[in-house]
PDB file of all heavy atoms in Angstrom:
ATOM      1  N   LYS A   1     -18.979 -12.032 -10.739  1.00  0.00           N
ATOM      2  CA  LYS A   1     -18.026 -13.164 -10.892  1.00  0.00           C
ATOM      3  C   LYS A   1     -16.794 -12.670 -11.664  1.00  0.00           C
ATOM      4  O   LYS A   1     -16.855 -11.789 -12.520  1.00  0.00           O
ATOM      5  CB  LYS A   1     -18.564 -14.325 -11.665  1.00  0.00           C
ATOM      6  CG  LYS A   1     -19.852 -14.885 -10.960  1.00  0.00           C
ATOM      7  CD  LYS A   1     -20.674 -15.767 -11.940  1.00  0.00           C
ATOM      8  CE  LYS A   1     -21.996 -16.106 -11.436  1.00  0.00           C
ATOM      9  NZ  LYS A   1     -22.843 -16.848 -12.470  1.00  0.00           N
ATOM     10  N   PHE A   2     -15.641 -13.293 -11.363  1.00  0.00           N
ATOM     11  CA  PHE A   2     -14.406 -13.033 -11.995  1.00  0.00           C
ATOM     12  C   PHE A   2     -13.825 -14.388 -12.503  1.00  0.00           C
ATOM     13  O   PHE A   2     -13.885 -15.400 -11.772  1.00  0.00           O
ATOM     14  CB  PHE A   2     -13.409 -12.283 -11.059  1.00  0.00           C
ATOM     15  CG  PHE A   2     -13.161 -10.899 -11.380  1.00  0.00           C
ATOM     16  CD1 PHE A   2     -14.187 -10.006 -11.470  1.00  0.00           C
ATOM     17  CD2 PHE A   2     -11.901 -10.416 -11.638  1.00  0.00           C
ATOM     18  CE1 PHE A   2     -13.956  -8.579 -11.718  1.00  0.00           C
ATOM     19  CE2 PHE A   2     -11.626  -9.044 -11.904  1.00  0.00           C
ATOM     20  CZ  PHE A   2     -12.715  -8.159 -11.976  1.00  0.00           C
ATOM     21  N   ILE A   3     -13.220 -14.285 -13.688  1.00  0.00           N
ATOM     22  CA  ILE A   3     -12.534 -15.449 -14.240  1.00  0.00           C
ATOM     23  C   ILE A   3     -11.089 -15.419 -13.630  1.00  0.00           C
ATOM     24  O   ILE A   3     -10.439 -14.381 -13.687  1.00  0.00           O
ATOM     25  CB  ILE A   3     -12.474 -15.444 -15.725  1.00  0.00           C
ATOM     26  CG1 ILE A   3     -13.916 -15.515 -16.330  1.00  0.00           C
ATOM     27  CG2 ILE A   3     -11.600 -16.554 -16.350  1.00  0.00           C
ATOM     28  CD1 ILE A   3     -13.941 -15.228 -17.791  1.00  0.00           C
ATOM     29  N   CYS A   4     -10.571 -16.520 -13.174  1.00  0.00           N
ATOM     30  CA  CYS A   4      -9.228 -16.672 -12.585  1.00  0.00           C
ATOM     31  C   CYS A   4      -8.511 -17.790 -13.249  1.00  0.00           C
ATOM     32  O   CYS A   4      -8.680 -18.895 -12.989  1.00  0.00           O
ATOM     33  CB  CYS A   4      -9.343 -16.860 -11.067  1.00  0.00           C
ATOM     34  SG  CYS A   4     -10.136 -15.525 -10.162  1.00  0.00           S
ATOM     35  N   PRO A   5      -7.507 -17.341 -14.157  1.00  0.00           N
ATOM     36  CA  PRO A   5      -6.581 -18.363 -14.622  1.00  0.00           C
ATOM     37  C   PRO A   5      -5.754 -19.035 -13.547  1.00  0.00           C
ATOM     38  O   PRO A   5      -5.279 -18.346 -12.625  1.00  0.00           O
ATOM     39  CB  PRO A   5      -5.644 -17.595 -15.620  1.00  0.00           C
ATOM     40  CG  PRO A   5      -6.489 -16.404 -16.034  1.00  0.00           C
ATOM     41  CD  PRO A   5      -7.287 -16.049 -14.726  1.00  0.00           C
ATOM     42  N   VAL A   6      -5.758 -20.345 -13.543  1.00  0.00           N
ATOM     43  CA  VAL A   6      -5.050 -21.098 -12.411  1.00  0.00           C
ATOM     44  C   VAL A   6      -4.053 -22.053 -12.964  1.00  0.00           C
ATOM     45  O   VAL A   6      -4.303 -22.684 -14.061  1.00  0.00           O
ATOM     46  CB  VAL A   6      -5.998 -21.788 -11.502  1.00  0.00           C
ATOM     47  CG1 VAL A   6      -6.850 -20.830 -10.762  1.00  0.00           C
ATOM     48  CG2 VAL A   6      -6.939 -22.753 -12.271  1.00  0.00           C
ATOM     49  N   PRO A   7      -2.884 -22.246 -12.219  1.00  0.00           N
ATOM     50  CA  PRO A   7      -2.637 -21.593 -10.954  1.00  0.00           C
ATOM     51  C   PRO A   7      -2.297 -20.085 -11.145  1.00  0.00           C
ATOM     52  O   PRO A   7      -1.847 -19.616 -12.176  1.00  0.00           O
ATOM     53  CB  PRO A   7      -1.309 -22.349 -10.495  1.00  0.00           C
ATOM     54  CG  PRO A   7      -0.724 -22.878 -11.760  1.00  0.00           C
ATOM     55  CD  PRO A   7      -1.803 -23.245 -12.625  1.00  0.00           C
ATOM     56  N   GLY A   8      -2.581 -19.316 -10.096  1.00  0.00           N
ATOM     57  CA  GLY A   8      -2.454 -17.820 -10.218  1.00  0.00           C
ATOM     58  C   GLY A   8      -1.917 -17.243  -8.960  1.00  0.00           C
ATOM     59  O   GLY A   8      -1.445 -17.873  -8.070  1.00  0.00           O
ATOM     60  N   TYR A   9      -2.114 -15.908  -8.838  1.00  0.00           N
ATOM     61  CA  TYR A   9      -1.585 -15.065  -7.810  1.00  0.00           C
ATOM     62  C   TYR A   9      -2.569 -14.995  -6.645  1.00  0.00           C
ATOM     63  O   TYR A   9      -3.665 -14.464  -6.815  1.00  0.00           O
ATOM     64  CB  TYR A   9      -1.173 -13.756  -8.368  1.00  0.00           C
ATOM     65  CG  TYR A   9      -0.599 -12.713  -7.500  1.00  0.00           C
ATOM     66  CD1 TYR A   9       0.212 -13.140  -6.392  1.00  0.00           C
ATOM     67  CD2 TYR A   9      -0.708 -11.372  -7.748  1.00  0.00           C
ATOM     68  CE1 TYR A   9       0.848 -12.216  -5.580  1.00  0.00           C
ATOM     69  CE2 TYR A   9      -0.095 -10.408  -6.867  1.00  0.00           C
ATOM     70  CZ  TYR A   9       0.683 -10.847  -5.773  1.00  0.00           C
ATOM     71  OH  TYR A   9       1.291  -9.914  -5.015  1.00  0.00           O
ATOM     72  N   ASP A  10      -2.143 -15.371  -5.423  1.00  0.00           N
ATOM     73  CA  ASP A  10      -3.039 -15.360  -4.282  1.00  0.00           C
ATOM     74  C   ASP A  10      -3.567 -14.059  -3.896  1.00  0.00           C
ATOM     75  O   ASP A  10      -4.748 -13.941  -3.463  1.00  0.00           O
ATOM     76  CB  ASP A  10      -2.400 -16.046  -3.104  1.00  0.00           C
ATOM     77  CG  ASP A  10      -1.042 -15.411  -2.665  1.00  0.00           C
ATOM     78  OD1 ASP A  10      -0.366 -14.802  -3.546  1.00  0.00           O
ATOM     79  OD2 ASP A  10      -0.638 -15.618  -1.520  1.00  0.00           O
ATOM     80  N   ARG A  11      -2.740 -13.032  -4.115  1.00  0.00           N
ATOM     81  CA  ARG A  11      -3.270 -11.631  -3.725  1.00  0.00           C
ATOM     82  C   ARG A  11      -4.408 -11.176  -4.709  1.00  0.00           C
ATOM     83  O   ARG A  11      -5.281 -10.371  -4.237  1.00  0.00           O
ATOM     84  CB  ARG A  11      -2.131 -10.652  -3.673  1.00  0.00           C
ATOM     85  CG  ARG A  11      -1.102 -11.001  -2.572  1.00  0.00           C
ATOM     86  CD  ARG A  11      -0.227  -9.855  -2.236  1.00  0.00           C
ATOM     87  NE  ARG A  11       0.851 -10.224  -1.335  1.00  0.00           N
ATOM     88  CZ  ARG A  11       0.699 -10.348  -0.014  1.00  0.00           C
ATOM     89  NH1 ARG A  11      -0.409 -10.049   0.579  1.00  0.00           N
ATOM     90  NH2 ARG A  11       1.773 -10.726   0.708  1.00  0.00           N
ATOM     91  N   HIS A  12      -4.399 -11.617  -5.894  1.00  0.00           N
ATOM     92  CA  HIS A  12      -5.579 -11.263  -6.816  1.00  0.00           C
ATOM     93  C   HIS A  12      -6.887 -11.926  -6.198  1.00  0.00           C
ATOM     94  O   HIS A  12      -7.910 -11.350  -6.130  1.00  0.00           O
ATOM     95  CB  HIS A  12      -5.314 -11.794  -8.200  1.00  0.00           C
ATOM     96  CG  HIS A  12      -4.282 -11.054  -8.991  1.00  0.00           C
ATOM     97  ND1 HIS A  12      -3.671 -11.574 -10.096  1.00  0.00           N
ATOM     98  CD2 HIS A  12      -3.757  -9.824  -8.747  1.00  0.00           C
ATOM     99  CE1 HIS A  12      -2.844 -10.658 -10.515  1.00  0.00           C
ATOM    100  NE2 HIS A  12      -2.789  -9.696  -9.727  1.00  0.00           N
ATOM    101  N   PHE A  13      -6.681 -13.164  -5.815  1.00  0.00           N
ATOM    102  CA  PHE A  13      -7.821 -13.915  -5.304  1.00  0.00           C
ATOM    103  C   PHE A  13      -8.257 -13.282  -3.925  1.00  0.00           C
ATOM    104  O   PHE A  13      -9.455 -13.303  -3.748  1.00  0.00           O
ATOM    105  CB  PHE A  13      -7.383 -15.373  -5.039  1.00  0.00           C
ATOM    106  CG  PHE A  13      -6.767 -16.150  -6.226  1.00  0.00           C
ATOM    107  CD1 PHE A  13      -5.880 -17.114  -5.971  1.00  0.00           C
ATOM    108  CD2 PHE A  13      -7.196 -15.768  -7.507  1.00  0.00           C
ATOM    109  CE1 PHE A  13      -5.293 -17.797  -7.056  1.00  0.00           C
ATOM    110  CE2 PHE A  13      -6.633 -16.555  -8.600  1.00  0.00           C
ATOM    111  CZ  PHE A  13      -5.680 -17.451  -8.393  1.00  0.00           C
ATOM    112  N   GLY A  14      -7.275 -12.767  -3.212  1.00  0.00           N
ATOM    113  CA  GLY A  14      -7.688 -12.084  -1.941  1.00  0.00           C
ATOM    114  C   GLY A  14      -8.574 -10.904  -2.211  1.00  0.00           C
ATOM    115  O   GLY A  14      -9.480 -10.687  -1.426  1.00  0.00           O
ATOM    116  N   ILE A  15      -8.298 -10.101  -3.244  1.00  0.00           N
ATOM    117  CA  ILE A  15      -9.141  -8.903  -3.578  1.00  0.00           C
ATOM    118  C   ILE A  15     -10.557  -9.378  -3.842  1.00  0.00           C
ATOM    119  O   ILE A  15     -11.568  -8.827  -3.345  1.00  0.00           O
ATOM    120  CB  ILE A  15      -8.558  -8.179  -4.742  1.00  0.00           C
ATOM    121  CG1 ILE A  15      -7.226  -7.534  -4.354  1.00  0.00           C
ATOM    122  CG2 ILE A  15      -9.502  -7.073  -5.182  1.00  0.00           C
ATOM    123  CD1 ILE A  15      -6.454  -6.935  -5.532  1.00  0.00           C
ATOM    124  N   CYS A  16     -10.720 -10.408  -4.623  1.00  0.00           N
ATOM    125  CA  CYS A  16     -11.988 -10.923  -5.006  1.00  0.00           C
ATOM    126  C   CYS A  16     -12.765 -11.442  -3.789  1.00  0.00           C
ATOM    127  O   CYS A  16     -13.946 -11.119  -3.526  1.00  0.00           O
ATOM    128  CB  CYS A  16     -11.922 -12.026  -6.044  1.00  0.00           C
ATOM    129  SG  CYS A  16     -11.515 -11.482  -7.630  1.00  0.00           S
ATOM    130  N   GLU A  17     -11.994 -12.167  -2.951  1.00  0.00           N
ATOM    131  CA  GLU A  17     -12.658 -12.752  -1.729  1.00  0.00           C
ATOM    132  C   GLU A  17     -13.047 -11.588  -0.808  1.00  0.00           C
ATOM    133  O   GLU A  17     -14.151 -11.706  -0.200  1.00  0.00           O
ATOM    134  CB  GLU A  17     -11.698 -13.731  -1.059  1.00  0.00           C
ATOM    135  CG  GLU A  17     -12.351 -14.623  -0.057  1.00  0.00           C
ATOM    136  CD  GLU A  17     -11.526 -15.835   0.269  1.00  0.00           C
ATOM    137  OE1 GLU A  17     -10.405 -15.925  -0.262  1.00  0.00           O
ATOM    138  OE2 GLU A  17     -12.003 -16.718   1.016  1.00  0.00           O
ATOM    139  N   PHE A  18     -12.300 -10.604  -0.656  1.00  0.00           N
ATOM    140  CA  PHE A  18     -12.620  -9.479   0.203  1.00  0.00           C
ATOM    141  C   PHE A  18     -13.967  -8.816  -0.161  1.00  0.00           C
ATOM    142  O   PHE A  18     -14.761  -8.464   0.665  1.00  0.00           O
ATOM    143  CB  PHE A  18     -11.469  -8.381   0.113  1.00  0.00           C
ATOM    144  CG  PHE A  18     -11.665  -7.147   1.030  1.00  0.00           C
ATOM    145  CD1 PHE A  18     -11.285  -7.240   2.326  1.00  0.00           C
ATOM    146  CD2 PHE A  18     -12.338  -6.025   0.436  1.00  0.00           C
ATOM    147  CE1 PHE A  18     -11.532  -6.049   3.111  1.00  0.00           C
ATOM    148  CE2 PHE A  18     -12.487  -4.906   1.284  1.00  0.00           C
ATOM    149  CZ  PHE A  18     -12.100  -4.989   2.597  1.00  0.00           C
ATOM    150  N   TYR A  19     -14.240  -8.668  -1.492  1.00  0.00           N
ATOM    151  CA  TYR A  19     -15.438  -8.110  -1.937  1.00  0.00           C
ATOM    152  C   TYR A  19     -16.597  -9.130  -2.215  1.00  0.00           C
ATOM    153  O   TYR A  19     -17.648  -8.689  -2.778  1.00  0.00           O
ATOM    154  CB  TYR A  19     -15.145  -7.209  -3.194  1.00  0.00           C
ATOM    155  CG  TYR A  19     -14.565  -5.842  -2.866  1.00  0.00           C
ATOM    156  CD1 TYR A  19     -13.304  -5.640  -3.174  1.00  0.00           C
ATOM    157  CD2 TYR A  19     -15.375  -4.948  -2.204  1.00  0.00           C
ATOM    158  CE1 TYR A  19     -12.715  -4.380  -2.890  1.00  0.00           C
ATOM    159  CE2 TYR A  19     -14.788  -3.731  -1.828  1.00  0.00           C
ATOM    160  CZ  TYR A  19     -13.483  -3.427  -2.190  1.00  0.00           C
ATOM    161  OH  TYR A  19     -12.944  -2.199  -1.853  1.00  0.00           O
ATOM    162  N   GLY A  20     -16.299 -10.348  -2.000  1.00  0.00           N
ATOM    163  CA  GLY A  20     -17.376 -11.401  -2.163  1.00  0.00           C
ATOM    164  C   GLY A  20     -17.613 -11.620  -3.714  1.00  0.00           C
ATOM    165  O   GLY A  20     -18.679 -12.054  -4.015  1.00  0.00           O
ATOM    166  N   ILE A  21     -16.602 -11.403  -4.469  1.00  0.00           N
ATOM    167  CA  ILE A  21     -16.727 -11.666  -5.930  1.00  0.00           C
ATOM    168  C   ILE A  21     -16.478 -13.194  -6.117  1.00  0.00           C
ATOM    169  O   ILE A  21     -15.392 -13.666  -5.705  1.00  0.00           O
ATOM    170  CB  ILE A  21     -15.663 -10.791  -6.765  1.00  0.00           C
ATOM    171  CG1 ILE A  21     -15.985  -9.342  -6.591  1.00  0.00           C
ATOM    172  CG2 ILE A  21     -15.687 -11.182  -8.237  1.00  0.00           C
ATOM    173  CD1 ILE A  21     -14.899  -8.465  -7.151  1.00  0.00           C
ATOM    174  N   LYS A  22     -17.374 -13.839  -6.790  1.00  0.00           N
ATOM    175  CA  LYS A  22     -17.225 -15.209  -6.938  1.00  0.00           C
ATOM    176  C   LYS A  22     -16.159 -15.500  -8.020  1.00  0.00           C
ATOM    177  O   LYS A  22     -16.146 -14.973  -9.069  1.00  0.00           O
ATOM    178  CB  LYS A  22     -18.528 -15.796  -7.432  1.00  0.00           C
ATOM    179  CG  LYS A  22     -18.433 -17.401  -7.617  1.00  0.00           C
ATOM    180  CD  LYS A  22     -19.815 -17.928  -8.041  1.00  0.00           C
ATOM    181  CE  LYS A  22     -19.751 -19.503  -8.333  1.00  0.00           C
ATOM    182  NZ  LYS A  22     -21.025 -20.079  -8.740  1.00  0.00           N
ATOM    183  N   MET A  23     -15.190 -16.427  -7.711  1.00  0.00           N
ATOM    184  CA  MET A  23     -14.143 -16.736  -8.592  1.00  0.00           C
ATOM    185  C   MET A  23     -14.340 -18.012  -9.336  1.00  0.00           C
ATOM    186  O   MET A  23     -14.762 -19.042  -8.755  1.00  0.00           O
ATOM    187  CB  MET A  23     -12.801 -16.724  -7.878  1.00  0.00           C
ATOM    188  CG  MET A  23     -12.381 -15.390  -7.211  1.00  0.00           C
ATOM    189  SD  MET A  23     -10.885 -15.467  -6.212  1.00  0.00           S
ATOM    190  CE  MET A  23     -11.554 -15.992  -4.652  1.00  0.00           C
ATOM    191  N   ILE A  24     -14.024 -18.007 -10.599  1.00  0.00           N
ATOM    192  CA  ILE A  24     -14.282 -19.235 -11.442  1.00  0.00           C
ATOM    193  C   ILE A  24     -12.899 -19.585 -12.056  1.00  0.00           C
ATOM    194  O   ILE A  24     -12.327 -18.751 -12.765  1.00  0.00           O
ATOM    195  CB  ILE A  24     -15.279 -18.889 -12.580  1.00  0.00           C
ATOM    196  CG1 ILE A  24     -16.532 -18.405 -12.106  1.00  0.00           C
ATOM    197  CG2 ILE A  24     -15.498 -20.224 -13.389  1.00  0.00           C
ATOM    198  CD1 ILE A  24     -17.568 -17.876 -13.086  1.00  0.00           C
ATOM    199  N   ASN A  25     -12.451 -20.782 -11.756  1.00  0.00           N
ATOM    200  CA  ASN A  25     -11.193 -21.275 -12.270  1.00  0.00           C
ATOM    201  C   ASN A  25     -11.177 -21.520 -13.798  1.00  0.00           C
ATOM    202  O   ASN A  25     -12.257 -22.044 -14.296  1.00  0.00           O
ATOM    203  CB  ASN A  25     -10.766 -22.536 -11.554  1.00  0.00           C
ATOM    204  CG  ASN A  25     -10.536 -22.445 -10.136  1.00  0.00           C
ATOM    205  OD1 ASN A  25     -10.662 -21.323  -9.600  1.00  0.00           O
ATOM    206  ND2 ASN A  25     -10.081 -23.562  -9.467  1.00  0.00           N
ATOM    207  N   VAL A  26     -10.154 -21.076 -14.518  1.00  0.00           N
ATOM    208  CA  VAL A  26      -9.897 -21.499 -15.834  1.00  0.00           C
ATOM    209  C   VAL A  26      -8.534 -21.946 -15.985  1.00  0.00           C
ATOM    210  O   VAL A  26      -7.519 -21.254 -15.511  1.00  0.00           O
ATOM    211  CB  VAL A  26     -10.156 -20.340 -16.784  1.00  0.00           C
ATOM    212  CG1 VAL A  26      -9.598 -20.502 -18.153  1.00  0.00           C
ATOM    213  CG2 VAL A  26     -11.689 -19.961 -16.954  1.00  0.00           C
ATOM    214  N   PRO A  27      -8.188 -23.125 -16.575  1.00  0.00           N
ATOM    215  CA  PRO A  27      -6.856 -23.561 -16.680  1.00  0.00           C
ATOM    216  C   PRO A  27      -5.917 -22.563 -17.416  1.00  0.00           C
ATOM    217  O   PRO A  27      -6.258 -22.086 -18.478  1.00  0.00           O
ATOM    218  CB  PRO A  27      -6.985 -24.911 -17.460  1.00  0.00           C
ATOM    219  CG  PRO A  27      -8.437 -25.307 -17.267  1.00  0.00           C
ATOM    220  CD  PRO A  27      -9.201 -24.035 -17.229  1.00  0.00           C
ATOM    221  N   LEU A  28      -4.683 -22.425 -16.865  1.00  0.00           N
ATOM    222  CA  LEU A  28      -3.639 -21.743 -17.528  1.00  0.00           C
ATOM    223  C   LEU A  28      -2.735 -22.611 -18.166  1.00  0.00           C
ATOM    224  O   LEU A  28      -2.000 -23.359 -17.461  1.00  0.00           O
ATOM    225  CB  LEU A  28      -2.952 -20.759 -16.439  1.00  0.00           C
ATOM    226  CG  LEU A  28      -1.824 -19.868 -17.026  1.00  0.00           C
ATOM    227  CD1 LEU A  28      -2.455 -18.800 -17.901  1.00  0.00           C
ATOM    228  CD2 LEU A  28      -1.048 -19.235 -15.865  1.00  0.00           C
ATOM    229  N   GLY A  29      -2.631 -22.634 -19.492  1.00  0.00           N
ATOM    230  CA  GLY A  29      -1.773 -23.530 -20.214  1.00  0.00           C
ATOM    231  C   GLY A  29      -0.343 -22.943 -20.393  1.00  0.00           C
ATOM    232  O   GLY A  29      -0.039 -21.865 -19.798  1.00  0.00           O
ATOM    233  N   ALA A  30       0.405 -23.616 -21.169  1.00  0.00           N
ATOM    234  CA  ALA A  30       1.827 -23.094 -21.455  1.00  0.00           C
ATOM    235  C   ALA A  30       1.919 -21.809 -22.279  1.00  0.00           C
ATOM    236  O   ALA A  30       2.949 -21.139 -22.335  1.00  0.00           O
ATOM    237  CB  ALA A  30       2.559 -24.225 -22.190  1.00  0.00           C
ATOM    238  N   ASP A  31       0.722 -21.401 -22.822  1.00  0.00           N
ATOM    239  CA  ASP A  31       0.761 -20.148 -23.617  1.00  0.00           C
ATOM    240  C   ASP A  31      -0.322 -19.225 -23.249  1.00  0.00           C
ATOM    241  O   ASP A  31      -0.705 -18.215 -23.963  1.00  0.00           O
ATOM    242  CB  ASP A  31       0.621 -20.482 -25.101  1.00  0.00           C
ATOM    243  CG  ASP A  31      -0.694 -21.199 -25.476  1.00  0.00           C
ATOM    244  OD1 ASP A  31      -1.376 -21.711 -24.494  1.00  0.00           O
ATOM    245  OD2 ASP A  31      -1.048 -21.260 -26.664  1.00  0.00           O
ATOM    246  N   GLY A  32      -1.076 -19.462 -22.142  1.00  0.00           N
ATOM    247  CA  GLY A  32      -2.124 -18.497 -21.691  1.00  0.00           C
ATOM    248  C   GLY A  32      -3.345 -19.312 -21.243  1.00  0.00           C
ATOM    249  O   GLY A  32      -3.375 -20.499 -21.169  1.00  0.00           O
ATOM    250  N   PRO A  33      -4.383 -18.569 -20.837  1.00  0.00           N
ATOM    251  CA  PRO A  33      -5.640 -19.225 -20.353  1.00  0.00           C
ATOM    252  C   PRO A  33      -6.418 -19.936 -21.447  1.00  0.00           C
ATOM    253  O   PRO A  33      -6.216 -19.703 -22.724  1.00  0.00           O
ATOM    254  CB  PRO A  33      -6.431 -17.993 -19.912  1.00  0.00           C
ATOM    255  CG  PRO A  33      -5.890 -16.823 -20.592  1.00  0.00           C
ATOM    256  CD  PRO A  33      -4.467 -17.062 -20.850  1.00  0.00           C
ATOM    257  N   ASP A  34      -7.217 -20.897 -21.110  1.00  0.00           N
ATOM    258  CA  ASP A  34      -8.095 -21.622 -21.925  1.00  0.00           C
ATOM    259  C   ASP A  34      -9.169 -20.744 -22.532  1.00  0.00           C
ATOM    260  O   ASP A  34     -10.141 -20.463 -21.786  1.00  0.00           O
ATOM    261  CB  ASP A  34      -8.653 -22.859 -21.180  1.00  0.00           C
ATOM    262  CG  ASP A  34      -9.657 -23.717 -21.984  1.00  0.00           C
ATOM    263  OD1 ASP A  34     -10.019 -23.302 -23.127  1.00  0.00           O
ATOM    264  OD2 ASP A  34      -9.910 -24.782 -21.584  1.00  0.00           O
ATOM    265  N   MET A  35      -9.004 -20.312 -23.712  1.00  0.00           N
ATOM    266  CA  MET A  35      -9.909 -19.304 -24.319  1.00  0.00           C
ATOM    267  C   MET A  35     -11.281 -19.865 -24.633  1.00  0.00           C
ATOM    268  O   MET A  35     -12.302 -19.071 -24.648  1.00  0.00           O
ATOM    269  CB  MET A  35      -9.243 -18.668 -25.534  1.00  0.00           C
ATOM    270  CG  MET A  35      -8.124 -17.671 -25.128  1.00  0.00           C
ATOM    271  SD  MET A  35      -8.554 -16.464 -23.755  1.00  0.00           S
ATOM    272  CE  MET A  35      -9.952 -15.627 -24.576  1.00  0.00           C
ATOM    273  N   GLU A  36     -11.361 -21.119 -24.915  1.00  0.00           N
ATOM    274  CA  GLU A  36     -12.646 -21.734 -25.130  1.00  0.00           C
ATOM    275  C   GLU A  36     -13.505 -21.603 -23.910  1.00  0.00           C
ATOM    276  O   GLU A  36     -14.696 -21.287 -23.899  1.00  0.00           O
ATOM    277  CB  GLU A  36     -12.484 -23.208 -25.520  1.00  0.00           C
ATOM    278  CG  GLU A  36     -13.790 -23.855 -25.969  1.00  0.00           C
ATOM    279  CD  GLU A  36     -13.612 -25.307 -26.429  1.00  0.00           C
ATOM    280  OE1 GLU A  36     -12.528 -25.700 -26.851  1.00  0.00           O
ATOM    281  OE2 GLU A  36     -14.625 -26.052 -26.484  1.00  0.00           O
ATOM    282  N   ALA A  37     -12.869 -21.970 -22.730  1.00  0.00           N
ATOM    283  CA  ALA A  37     -13.576 -21.781 -21.471  1.00  0.00           C
ATOM    284  C   ALA A  37     -13.948 -20.302 -21.146  1.00  0.00           C
ATOM    285  O   ALA A  37     -14.987 -20.059 -20.698  1.00  0.00           O
ATOM    286  CB  ALA A  37     -12.715 -22.381 -20.323  1.00  0.00           C
ATOM    287  N   VAL A  38     -12.959 -19.363 -21.402  1.00  0.00           N
ATOM    288  CA  VAL A  38     -13.184 -18.030 -21.126  1.00  0.00           C
ATOM    289  C   VAL A  38     -14.342 -17.527 -22.028  1.00  0.00           C
ATOM    290  O   VAL A  38     -15.267 -16.807 -21.465  1.00  0.00           O
ATOM    291  CB  VAL A  38     -11.902 -17.172 -21.440  1.00  0.00           C
ATOM    292  CG1 VAL A  38     -12.161 -15.713 -21.406  1.00  0.00           C
ATOM    293  CG2 VAL A  38     -10.798 -17.500 -20.405  1.00  0.00           C
ATOM    294  N   ASN A  39     -14.411 -17.772 -23.265  1.00  0.00           N
ATOM    295  CA  ASN A  39     -15.441 -17.312 -24.154  1.00  0.00           C
ATOM    296  C   ASN A  39     -16.816 -17.817 -23.785  1.00  0.00           C
ATOM    297  O   ASN A  39     -17.837 -17.168 -24.031  1.00  0.00           O
ATOM    298  CB  ASN A  39     -15.103 -17.635 -25.608  1.00  0.00           C
ATOM    299  CG  ASN A  39     -13.993 -16.696 -26.152  1.00  0.00           C
ATOM    300  OD1 ASN A  39     -13.988 -15.464 -25.783  1.00  0.00           O
ATOM    301  ND2 ASN A  39     -13.103 -17.145 -26.936  1.00  0.00           N
ATOM    302  N   GLU A  40     -16.863 -18.994 -23.255  1.00  0.00           N
ATOM    303  CA  GLU A  40     -18.108 -19.531 -22.783  1.00  0.00           C
ATOM    304  C   GLU A  40     -18.592 -18.794 -21.505  1.00  0.00           C
ATOM    305  O   GLU A  40     -19.734 -18.466 -21.397  1.00  0.00           O
ATOM    306  CB  GLU A  40     -18.010 -21.039 -22.461  1.00  0.00           C
ATOM    307  CG  GLU A  40     -19.240 -21.716 -22.096  1.00  0.00           C
ATOM    308  CD  GLU A  40     -20.275 -21.765 -23.271  1.00  0.00           C
ATOM    309  OE1 GLU A  40     -19.843 -21.763 -24.440  1.00  0.00           O
ATOM    310  OE2 GLU A  40     -21.490 -21.703 -22.958  1.00  0.00           O
TER     311      GLU A  40
END
């Protein structure tokens, strides 16, 4: 699995999808990704 801050870059998602890597959304705020969610 890969963590994907969203909204994000579609070509990054495309790489993961190509290899069957499961993507998990994490909200991207005004100063970066939700680190509480990332650390969990």
